[in-house]
Amino acid sequence: MTVRRNEGRPAATGTAPNQSKLRQQDNSTEAQRQRLLAALRRRPVTTIEARRDLDIMAPAPRIFELRQRGFQIVTIWAHQATDCGREHRVARYVLIKGPV
């Protein structure tokens, strides 16, 4: 007897571009720091955005490490809704300047 895993479910139509790109990225702490730093150079990043868009599940330790490397990053507390619509108090990180 053969068991089909997708039986009763629609066939996958493909992976979203961002998801496939993230799967190919290195997820080491150094790679996470580099992704976060690149994003911070463009604009402020919230905890939710770091998790959702940068695949960094714990952004606070990465921010701590960047600060230890001399980057001046401030935290502004804000309220932001998650994708499911629930509002949370989150950190919004703003890069002020690079290493001194």
PDB file of N, CA and C in Angstrom:
ATOM      1  N   MET A   1       0.833  -1.173   0.000  1.00  0.00           N
ATOM      2  CA  MET A   1       0.000   0.000   0.000  1.00  0.00           C
ATOM      3  C   MET A   1       0.883   1.244   0.000  1.00  0.00           C
ATOM      4  N   THR A   2       0.597   2.168  -0.883  1.00  0.00           N
ATOM      5  CA  THR A   2       1.372   3.393  -0.990  1.00  0.00           C
ATOM      6  C   THR A   2       0.628   4.524  -0.291  1.00  0.00           C
ATOM      7  N   VAL A   3       1.340   5.259   0.537  1.00  0.00           N
ATOM      8  CA  VAL A   3       0.750   6.395   1.233  1.00  0.00           C
ATOM      9  C   VAL A   3       1.220   7.662   0.543  1.00  0.00           C
ATOM     10  N   ARG A   4       0.267   8.484   0.165  1.00  0.00           N
ATOM     11  CA  ARG A   4       0.605   9.757  -0.466  1.00  0.00           C
ATOM     12  C   ARG A   4       0.474  10.861   0.565  1.00  0.00           C
ATOM     13  N   ARG A   5       1.526  11.585   0.741  1.00  0.00           N
ATOM     14  CA  ARG A   5       1.543  12.628   1.770  1.00  0.00           C
ATOM     15  C   ARG A   5       0.634  13.807   1.437  1.00  0.00           C
ATOM     16  N   ASN A   6       0.468  14.128   0.192  1.00  0.00           N
ATOM     17  CA  ASN A   6      -0.324  15.291  -0.189  1.00  0.00           C
ATOM     18  C   ASN A   6      -1.774  14.947  -0.486  1.00  0.00           C
ATOM     19  N   GLU A   7      -2.158  13.710  -0.228  1.00  0.00           N
ATOM     20  CA  GLU A   7      -3.522  13.298  -0.522  1.00  0.00           C
ATOM     21  C   GLU A   7      -4.517  14.168   0.239  1.00  0.00           C
ATOM     22  N   GLY A   8      -5.470  14.711  -0.488  1.00  0.00           N
ATOM     23  CA  GLY A   8      -6.484  15.548   0.145  1.00  0.00           C
ATOM     24  C   GLY A   8      -6.064  16.997   0.316  1.00  0.00           C
ATOM     25  N   ARG A   9      -4.830  17.311  -0.067  1.00  0.00           N
ATOM     26  CA  ARG A   9      -4.347  18.693   0.037  1.00  0.00           C
ATOM     27  C   ARG A   9      -3.942  19.176  -1.339  1.00  0.00           C
ATOM     28  N   PRO A  10      -4.079  20.469  -1.612  1.00  0.00           N
ATOM     29  CA  PRO A  10      -3.656  20.970  -2.918  1.00  0.00           C
ATOM     30  C   PRO A  10      -2.148  20.846  -3.078  1.00  0.00           C
ATOM     31  N   ALA A  11      -1.721  20.635  -4.283  1.00  0.00           N
ATOM     32  CA  ALA A  11      -0.291  20.525  -4.567  1.00  0.00           C
ATOM     33  C   ALA A  11       0.377  21.875  -4.367  1.00  0.00           C
ATOM     34  N   ALA A  12       1.613  21.854  -3.926  1.00  0.00           N
ATOM     35  CA  ALA A  12       2.363  23.102  -3.731  1.00  0.00           C
ATOM     36  C   ALA A  12       2.606  23.743  -5.088  1.00  0.00           C
ATOM     37  N   THR A  13       2.437  25.038  -5.141  1.00  0.00           N
ATOM     38  CA  THR A  13       2.629  25.750  -6.411  1.00  0.00           C
ATOM     39  C   THR A  13       3.995  26.395  -6.502  1.00  0.00           C
ATOM     40  N   GLY A  14       4.821  26.205  -5.520  1.00  0.00           N
ATOM     41  CA  GLY A  14       6.139  26.818  -5.533  1.00  0.00           C
ATOM     42  C   GLY A  14       6.386  27.551  -4.233  1.00  0.00           C
ATOM     43  N   THR A  15       7.607  27.972  -4.060  1.00  0.00           N
ATOM     44  CA  THR A  15       7.988  28.675  -2.846  1.00  0.00           C
ATOM     45  C   THR A  15       8.086  30.155  -3.141  1.00  0.00           C
ATOM     46  N   ALA A  16       7.633  30.950  -2.214  1.00  0.00           N
ATOM     47  CA  ALA A  16       7.751  32.398  -2.379  1.00  0.00           C
ATOM     48  C   ALA A  16       9.218  32.767  -2.545  1.00  0.00           C
ATOM     49  N   PRO A  17       9.538  33.759  -3.360  1.00  0.00           N
ATOM     50  CA  PRO A  17      10.935  34.118  -3.612  1.00  0.00           C
ATOM     51  C   PRO A  17      11.726  34.398  -2.346  1.00  0.00           C
ATOM     52  N   ASN A  18      11.143  35.120  -1.388  1.00  0.00           N
ATOM     53  CA  ASN A  18      11.876  35.428  -0.163  1.00  0.00           C
ATOM     54  C   ASN A  18      12.188  34.181   0.635  1.00  0.00           C
ATOM     55  N   GLN A  19      11.257  33.228   0.670  1.00  0.00           N
ATOM     56  CA  GLN A  19      11.486  32.008   1.430  1.00  0.00           C
ATOM     57  C   GLN A  19      12.618  31.198   0.820  1.00  0.00           C
ATOM     58  N   SER A  20      12.638  31.056  -0.507  1.00  0.00           N
ATOM     59  CA  SER A  20      13.690  30.258  -1.118  1.00  0.00           C
ATOM     60  C   SER A  20      15.039  30.942  -0.959  1.00  0.00           C
ATOM     61  N   LYS A  21      15.063  32.276  -1.022  1.00  0.00           N
ATOM     62  CA  LYS A  21      16.304  33.017  -0.836  1.00  0.00           C
ATOM     63  C   LYS A  21      16.838  32.813   0.576  1.00  0.00           C
ATOM     64  N   LEU A  22      15.940  32.868   1.581  1.00  0.00           N
ATOM     65  CA  LEU A  22      16.373  32.703   2.961  1.00  0.00           C
ATOM     66  C   LEU A  22      16.895  31.297   3.218  1.00  0.00           C
ATOM     67  N   ARG A  23      16.321  30.300   2.576  1.00  0.00           N
ATOM     68  CA  ARG A  23      16.784  28.923   2.790  1.00  0.00           C
ATOM     69  C   ARG A  23      18.221  28.743   2.329  1.00  0.00           C
ATOM     70  N   GLN A  24      18.634  29.537   1.354  1.00  0.00           N
ATOM     71  CA  GLN A  24      19.976  29.399   0.810  1.00  0.00           C
ATOM     72  C   GLN A  24      20.999  30.186   1.615  1.00  0.00           C
ATOM     73  N   GLN A  25      20.538  31.071   2.486  1.00  0.00           N
ATOM     74  CA  GLN A  25      21.459  31.908   3.239  1.00  0.00           C
ATOM     75  C   GLN A  25      22.045  31.163   4.423  1.00  0.00           C
ATOM     76  N   ASP A  26      23.245  31.543   4.756  1.00  0.00           N
ATOM     77  CA  ASP A  26      23.906  31.066   5.956  1.00  0.00           C
ATOM     78  C   ASP A  26      23.151  31.635   7.156  1.00  0.00           C
ATOM     79  N   ASN A  27      22.899  30.824   8.155  1.00  0.00           N
ATOM     80  CA  ASN A  27      22.172  31.308   9.326  1.00  0.00           C
ATOM     81  C   ASN A  27      23.049  31.335  10.575  1.00  0.00           C
ATOM     82  N   SER A  28      24.351  31.419  10.377  1.00  0.00           N
ATOM     83  CA  SER A  28      25.265  31.547  11.514  1.00  0.00           C
ATOM     84  C   SER A  28      25.031  32.889  12.190  1.00  0.00           C
ATOM     85  N   THR A  29      25.517  33.032  13.406  1.00  0.00           N
ATOM     86  CA  THR A  29      25.337  34.304  14.102  1.00  0.00           C
ATOM     87  C   THR A  29      26.017  35.439  13.337  1.00  0.00           C
ATOM     88  N   GLU A  30      27.149  35.167  12.718  1.00  0.00           N
ATOM     89  CA  GLU A  30      27.841  36.205  11.942  1.00  0.00           C
ATOM     90  C   GLU A  30      26.992  36.628  10.739  1.00  0.00           C
ATOM     91  N   ALA A  31      26.406  35.670  10.047  1.00  0.00           N
ATOM     92  CA  ALA A  31      25.552  35.991   8.904  1.00  0.00           C
ATOM     93  C   ALA A  31      24.329  36.782   9.359  1.00  0.00           C
ATOM     94  N   GLN A  32      23.759  36.424  10.503  1.00  0.00           N
ATOM     95  CA  GLN A  32      22.618  37.159  11.039  1.00  0.00           C
ATOM     96  C   GLN A  32      23.015  38.599  11.370  1.00  0.00           C
ATOM     97  N   ARG A  33      24.191  38.767  11.979  1.00  0.00           N
ATOM     98  CA  ARG A  33      24.671  40.127  12.287  1.00  0.00           C
ATOM     99  C   ARG A  33      24.825  40.942  11.011  1.00  0.00           C
ATOM    100  N   GLN A  34      25.371  40.329   9.974  1.00  0.00           N
ATOM    101  CA  GLN A  34      25.591  41.044   8.722  1.00  0.00           C
ATOM    102  C   GLN A  34      24.272  41.422   8.057  1.00  0.00           C
ATOM    103  N   ARG A  35      23.285  40.505   8.080  1.00  0.00           N
ATOM    104  CA  ARG A  35      21.966  40.826   7.510  1.00  0.00           C
ATOM    105  C   ARG A  35      21.303  41.966   8.277  1.00  0.00           C
ATOM    106  N   LEU A  36      21.394  41.895   9.607  1.00  0.00           N
ATOM    107  CA  LEU A  36      20.781  42.923  10.442  1.00  0.00           C
ATOM    108  C   LEU A  36      21.457  44.271  10.226  1.00  0.00           C
ATOM    109  N   LEU A  37      22.779  44.287  10.172  1.00  0.00           N
ATOM    110  CA  LEU A  37      23.519  45.524   9.957  1.00  0.00           C
ATOM    111  C   LEU A  37      23.181  46.130   8.594  1.00  0.00           C
ATOM    112  N   ALA A  38      23.108  45.303   7.573  1.00  0.00           N
ATOM    113  CA  ALA A  38      22.756  45.798   6.238  1.00  0.00           C
ATOM    114  C   ALA A  38      21.360  46.422   6.248  1.00  0.00           C
ATOM    115  N   ALA A  39      20.421  45.793   6.938  1.00  0.00           N
ATOM    116  CA  ALA A  39      19.061  46.336   7.023  1.00  0.00           C
ATOM    117  C   ALA A  39      19.050  47.638   7.814  1.00  0.00           C
ATOM    118  N   LEU A  40      19.797  47.690   8.915  1.00  0.00           N
ATOM    119  CA  LEU A  40      19.849  48.901   9.736  1.00  0.00           C
ATOM    120  C   LEU A  40      20.471  50.076   8.984  1.00  0.00           C
ATOM    121  N   ARG A  41      21.363  49.793   8.065  1.00  0.00           N
ATOM    122  CA  ARG A  41      21.965  50.866   7.266  1.00  0.00           C
ATOM    123  C   ARG A  41      20.946  51.474   6.307  1.00  0.00           C
ATOM    124  N   ARG A  42      19.899  50.723   5.991  1.00  0.00           N
ATOM    125  CA  ARG A  42      18.841  51.226   5.109  1.00  0.00           C
ATOM    126  C   ARG A  42      17.756  51.959   5.882  1.00  0.00           C
ATOM    127  N   ARG A  43      17.392  51.418   7.071  1.00  0.00           N
ATOM    128  CA  ARG A  43      16.279  51.990   7.836  1.00  0.00           C
ATOM    129  C   ARG A  43      16.205  51.314   9.202  1.00  0.00           C
ATOM    130  N   PRO A  44      15.424  51.888  10.136  1.00  0.00           N
ATOM    131  CA  PRO A  44      15.219  51.219  11.429  1.00  0.00           C
ATOM    132  C   PRO A  44      14.523  49.862  11.236  1.00  0.00           C
ATOM    133  N   VAL A  45      14.793  48.939  12.142  1.00  0.00           N
ATOM    134  CA  VAL A  45      14.246  47.585  12.059  1.00  0.00           C
ATOM    135  C   VAL A  45      13.613  47.226  13.393  1.00  0.00           C
ATOM    136  N   THR A  46      12.385  46.703  13.353  1.00  0.00           N
ATOM    137  CA  THR A  46      11.737  46.234  14.580  1.00  0.00           C
ATOM    138  C   THR A  46      12.027  44.758  14.799  1.00  0.00           C
ATOM    139  N   THR A  47      11.730  44.315  16.004  1.00  0.00           N
ATOM    140  CA  THR A  47      11.898  42.897  16.334  1.00  0.00           C
ATOM    141  C   THR A  47      11.085  42.027  15.378  1.00  0.00           C
ATOM    142  N   ILE A  48       9.848  42.420  15.121  1.00  0.00           N
ATOM    143  CA  ILE A  48       8.986  41.634  14.229  1.00  0.00           C
ATOM    144  C   ILE A  48       9.565  41.579  12.823  1.00  0.00           C
ATOM    145  N   GLU A  49      10.056  42.699  12.316  1.00  0.00           N
ATOM    146  CA  GLU A  49      10.643  42.727  10.969  1.00  0.00           C
ATOM    147  C   GLU A  49      11.898  41.872  10.898  1.00  0.00           C
ATOM    148  N   ALA A  50      12.725  41.915  11.946  1.00  0.00           N
ATOM    149  CA  ALA A  50      13.945  41.102  11.951  1.00  0.00           C
ATOM    150  C   ALA A  50      13.606  39.619  11.897  1.00  0.00           C
ATOM    151  N   ARG A  51      12.585  39.223  12.625  1.00  0.00           N
ATOM    152  CA  ARG A  51      12.178  37.811  12.625  1.00  0.00           C
ATOM    153  C   ARG A  51      11.562  37.419  11.293  1.00  0.00           C
ATOM    154  N   ARG A  52      10.633  38.241  10.807  1.00  0.00           N
ATOM    155  CA  ARG A  52       9.879  37.909   9.600  1.00  0.00           C
ATOM    156  C   ARG A  52      10.713  38.067   8.328  1.00  0.00           C
ATOM    157  N   ASP A  53      11.413  39.185   8.201  1.00  0.00           N
ATOM    158  CA  ASP A  53      12.073  39.514   6.941  1.00  0.00           C
ATOM    159  C   ASP A  53      13.537  39.085   6.869  1.00  0.00           C
ATOM    160  N   LEU A  54      14.193  39.008   8.021  1.00  0.00           N
ATOM    161  CA  LEU A  54      15.627  38.700   8.027  1.00  0.00           C
ATOM    162  C   LEU A  54      15.939  37.312   8.571  1.00  0.00           C
ATOM    163  N   ASP A  55      14.905  36.595   9.023  1.00  0.00           N
ATOM    164  CA  ASP A  55      15.064  35.246   9.573  1.00  0.00           C
ATOM    165  C   ASP A  55      16.005  35.241  10.779  1.00  0.00           C
ATOM    166  N   ILE A  56      15.850  36.247  11.641  1.00  0.00           N
ATOM    167  CA  ILE A  56      16.625  36.347  12.878  1.00  0.00           C
ATOM    168  C   ILE A  56      15.629  36.212  14.027  1.00  0.00           C
ATOM    169  N   MET A  57      15.594  35.041  14.637  1.00  0.00           N
ATOM    170  CA  MET A  57      14.590  34.763  15.654  1.00  0.00           C
ATOM    171  C   MET A  57      14.852  35.506  16.959  1.00  0.00           C
ATOM    172  N   ALA A  58      16.099  35.812  17.250  1.00  0.00           N
ATOM    173  CA  ALA A  58      16.446  36.538  18.479  1.00  0.00           C
ATOM    174  C   ALA A  58      17.294  37.753  18.102  1.00  0.00           C
ATOM    175  N   PRO A  59      16.658  38.837  17.662  1.00  0.00           N
ATOM    176  CA  PRO A  59      17.437  39.999  17.233  1.00  0.00           C
ATOM    177  C   PRO A  59      18.163  40.718  18.364  1.00  0.00           C
ATOM    178  N   ALA A  60      17.639  40.689  19.584  1.00  0.00           N
ATOM    179  CA  ALA A  60      18.278  41.413  20.692  1.00  0.00           C
ATOM    180  C   ALA A  60      19.731  40.987  20.918  1.00  0.00           C
ATOM    181  N   PRO A  61      20.040  39.680  20.932  1.00  0.00           N
ATOM    182  CA  PRO A  61      21.458  39.313  21.089  1.00  0.00           C
ATOM    183  C   PRO A  61      22.340  39.797  19.938  1.00  0.00           C
ATOM    184  N   ARG A  62      21.794  39.814  18.704  1.00  0.00           N
ATOM    185  CA  ARG A  62      22.578  40.312  17.566  1.00  0.00           C
ATOM    186  C   ARG A  62      22.831  41.802  17.717  1.00  0.00           C
ATOM    187  N   ILE A  63      21.852  42.553  18.207  1.00  0.00           N
ATOM    188  CA  ILE A  63      22.033  43.983  18.460  1.00  0.00           C
ATOM    189  C   ILE A  63      23.094  44.179  19.530  1.00  0.00           C
ATOM    190  N   PHE A  64      23.025  43.392  20.596  1.00  0.00           N
ATOM    191  CA  PHE A  64      24.016  43.458  21.671  1.00  0.00           C
ATOM    192  C   PHE A  64      25.422  43.242  21.112  1.00  0.00           C
ATOM    193  N   GLU A  65      25.571  42.237  20.252  1.00  0.00           N
ATOM    194  CA  GLU A  65      26.880  41.928  19.668  1.00  0.00           C
ATOM    195  C   GLU A  65      27.369  43.063  18.769  1.00  0.00           C
ATOM    196  N   LEU A  66      26.459  43.664  17.992  1.00  0.00           N
ATOM    197  CA  LEU A  66      26.854  44.797  17.152  1.00  0.00           C
ATOM    198  C   LEU A  66      27.281  45.985  18.009  1.00  0.00           C
ATOM    199  N   ARG A  67      26.579  46.195  19.108  1.00  0.00           N
ATOM    200  CA  ARG A  67      26.983  47.270  20.024  1.00  0.00           C
ATOM    201  C   ARG A  67      28.364  46.983  20.615  1.00  0.00           C
ATOM    202  N   GLN A  68      28.626  45.731  20.937  1.00  0.00           N
ATOM    203  CA  GLN A  68      29.943  45.354  21.459  1.00  0.00           C
ATOM    204  C   GLN A  68      31.041  45.618  20.434  1.00  0.00           C
ATOM    205  N   ARG A  69      30.699  45.583  19.166  1.00  0.00           N
ATOM    206  CA  ARG A  69      31.661  45.851  18.085  1.00  0.00           C
ATOM    207  C   ARG A  69      31.787  47.337  17.782  1.00  0.00           C
ATOM    208  N   GLY A  70      31.086  48.176  18.556  1.00  0.00           N
ATOM    209  CA  GLY A  70      31.255  49.608  18.423  1.00  0.00           C
ATOM    210  C   GLY A  70      30.167  50.344  17.672  1.00  0.00           C
ATOM    211  N   PHE A  71      29.134  49.653  17.206  1.00  0.00           N
ATOM    212  CA  PHE A  71      28.053  50.325  16.503  1.00  0.00           C
ATOM    213  C   PHE A  71      27.138  50.987  17.526  1.00  0.00           C
ATOM    214  N   GLN A  72      26.771  52.225  17.252  1.00  0.00           N
ATOM    215  CA  GLN A  72      25.849  52.934  18.132  1.00  0.00           C
ATOM    216  C   GLN A  72      24.437  52.697  17.604  1.00  0.00           C
ATOM    217  N   ILE A  73      23.675  51.896  18.345  1.00  0.00           N
ATOM    218  CA  ILE A  73      22.312  51.537  17.965  1.00  0.00           C
ATOM    219  C   ILE A  73      21.410  51.875  19.140  1.00  0.00           C
ATOM    220  N   VAL A  74      20.369  52.658  18.878  1.00  0.00           N
ATOM    221  CA  VAL A  74      19.434  52.996  19.948  1.00  0.00           C
ATOM    222  C   VAL A  74      18.179  52.143  19.799  1.00  0.00           C
ATOM    223  N   THR A  75      17.515  51.937  20.925  1.00  0.00           N
ATOM    224  CA  THR A  75      16.265  51.191  20.960  1.00  0.00           C
ATOM    225  C   THR A  75      15.134  52.151  21.264  1.00  0.00           C
ATOM    226  N   ILE A  76      14.132  52.134  20.415  1.00  0.00           N
ATOM    227  CA  ILE A  76      12.922  52.925  20.628  1.00  0.00           C
ATOM    228  C   ILE A  76      11.772  51.933  20.773  1.00  0.00           C
ATOM    229  N   TRP A  77      11.030  52.039  21.848  1.00  0.00           N
ATOM    230  CA  TRP A  77       9.914  51.121  22.073  1.00  0.00           C
ATOM    231  C   TRP A  77       8.710  51.584  21.270  1.00  0.00           C
ATOM    232  N   ALA A  78       8.064  50.644  20.603  1.00  0.00           N
ATOM    233  CA  ALA A  78       6.921  50.952  19.747  1.00  0.00           C
ATOM    234  C   ALA A  78       5.899  49.825  19.849  1.00  0.00           C
ATOM    235  N   HIS A  79       4.730  50.048  19.303  1.00  0.00           N
ATOM    236  CA  HIS A  79       3.711  49.016  19.202  1.00  0.00           C
ATOM    237  C   HIS A  79       3.535  48.677  17.733  1.00  0.00           C
ATOM    238  N   GLN A  80       3.525  47.372  17.439  1.00  0.00           N
ATOM    239  CA  GLN A  80       3.410  46.918  16.060  1.00  0.00           C
ATOM    240  C   GLN A  80       2.603  45.633  16.046  1.00  0.00           C
ATOM    241  N   ALA A  81       1.759  45.497  15.043  1.00  0.00           N
ATOM    242  CA  ALA A  81       0.964  44.277  14.899  1.00  0.00           C
ATOM    243  C   ALA A  81       1.767  43.218  14.164  1.00  0.00           C
ATOM    244  N   THR A  82       1.578  41.977  14.571  1.00  0.00           N
ATOM    245  CA  THR A  82       2.170  40.848  13.859  1.00  0.00           C
ATOM    246  C   THR A  82       1.330  40.564  12.620  1.00  0.00           C
ATOM    247  N   ASP A  83       1.760  39.606  11.808  1.00  0.00           N
ATOM    248  CA  ASP A  83       1.021  39.259  10.593  1.00  0.00           C
ATOM    249  C   ASP A  83      -0.388  38.768  10.901  1.00  0.00           C
ATOM    250  N   CYS A  84      -0.596  38.197  12.081  1.00  0.00           N
ATOM    251  CA  CYS A  84      -1.940  37.725  12.428  1.00  0.00           C
ATOM    252  C   CYS A  84      -2.787  38.831  13.054  1.00  0.00           C
ATOM    253  N   GLY A  85      -2.241  40.043  13.174  1.00  0.00           N
ATOM    254  CA  GLY A  85      -3.015  41.177  13.631  1.00  0.00           C
ATOM    255  C   GLY A  85      -2.948  41.486  15.113  1.00  0.00           C
ATOM    256  N   ARG A  86      -2.193  40.726  15.866  1.00  0.00           N
ATOM    257  CA  ARG A  86      -2.075  40.975  17.303  1.00  0.00           C
ATOM    258  C   ARG A  86      -0.976  42.005  17.550  1.00  0.00           C
ATOM    259  N   GLU A  87      -1.295  43.039  18.332  1.00  0.00           N
ATOM    260  CA  GLU A  87      -0.339  44.106  18.592  1.00  0.00           C
ATOM    261  C   GLU A  87       0.583  43.736  19.756  1.00  0.00           C
ATOM    262  N   HIS A  88       1.857  44.085  19.601  1.00  0.00           N
ATOM    263  CA  HIS A  88       2.872  43.819  20.617  1.00  0.00           C
ATOM    264  C   HIS A  88       3.719  45.062  20.837  1.00  0.00           C
ATOM    265  N   ARG A  89       4.275  45.173  22.015  1.00  0.00           N
ATOM    266  CA  ARG A  89       5.287  46.208  22.290  1.00  0.00           C
ATOM    267  C   ARG A  89       6.615  45.614  21.842  1.00  0.00           C
ATOM    268  N   VAL A  90       7.245  46.283  20.894  1.00  0.00           N
ATOM    269  CA  VAL A  90       8.472  45.750  20.302  1.00  0.00           C
ATOM    270  C   VAL A  90       9.563  46.808  20.300  1.00  0.00           C
ATOM    271  N   ALA A  91      10.779  46.343  20.151  1.00  0.00           N
ATOM    272  CA  ALA A  91      11.916  47.249  20.010  1.00  0.00           C
ATOM    273  C   ALA A  91      12.051  47.647  18.548  1.00  0.00           C
ATOM    274  N   ARG A  92      12.298  48.928  18.323  1.00  0.00           N
ATOM    275  CA  ARG A  92      12.663  49.425  16.989  1.00  0.00           C
ATOM    276  C   ARG A  92      14.111  49.883  17.116  1.00  0.00           C
ATOM    277  N   TYR A  93      15.010  49.235  16.382  1.00  0.00           N
ATOM    278  CA  TYR A  93      16.429  49.525  16.467  1.00  0.00           C
ATOM    279  C   TYR A  93      16.814  50.527  15.389  1.00  0.00           C
ATOM    280  N   VAL A  94      17.570  51.532  15.785  1.00  0.00           N
ATOM    281  CA  VAL A  94      17.997  52.585  14.864  1.00  0.00           C
ATOM    282  C   VAL A  94      19.525  52.693  14.941  1.00  0.00           C
ATOM    283  N   LEU A  95      20.179  52.550  13.788  1.00  0.00           N
ATOM    284  CA  LEU A  95      21.625  52.688  13.708  1.00  0.00           C
ATOM    285  C   LEU A  95      21.956  54.178  13.652  1.00  0.00           C
ATOM    286  N   ILE A  96      22.730  54.644  14.625  1.00  0.00           N
ATOM    287  CA  ILE A  96      23.135  56.045  14.682  1.00  0.00           C
ATOM    288  C   ILE A  96      24.461  56.240  13.948  1.00  0.00           C
ATOM    289  N   LYS A  97      25.442  55.406  14.261  1.00  0.00           N
ATOM    290  CA  LYS A  97      26.713  55.463  13.546  1.00  0.00           C
ATOM    291  C   LYS A  97      27.474  54.166  13.730  1.00  0.00           C
ATOM    292  N   GLY A  98      28.474  53.997  12.873  1.00  0.00           N
ATOM    293  CA  GLY A  98      29.288  52.792  12.904  1.00  0.00           C
ATOM    294  C   GLY A  98      30.283  52.794  14.027  1.00  0.00           C
ATOM    295  N   PRO A  99      31.199  51.842  14.014  1.00  0.00           N
ATOM    296  CA  PRO A  99      32.184  51.722  15.098  1.00  0.00           C
ATOM    297  C   PRO A  99      32.992  53.002  15.284  1.00  0.00           C
ATOM    298  N   VAL A 100      33.275  53.299  16.543  1.00  0.00           N
ATOM    299  CA  VAL A 100      34.074  54.490  16.857  1.00  0.00           C
ATOM    300  C   VAL A 100      35.527  54.136  16.991  1.00  0.00           C
TER     301      VAL A 100
END
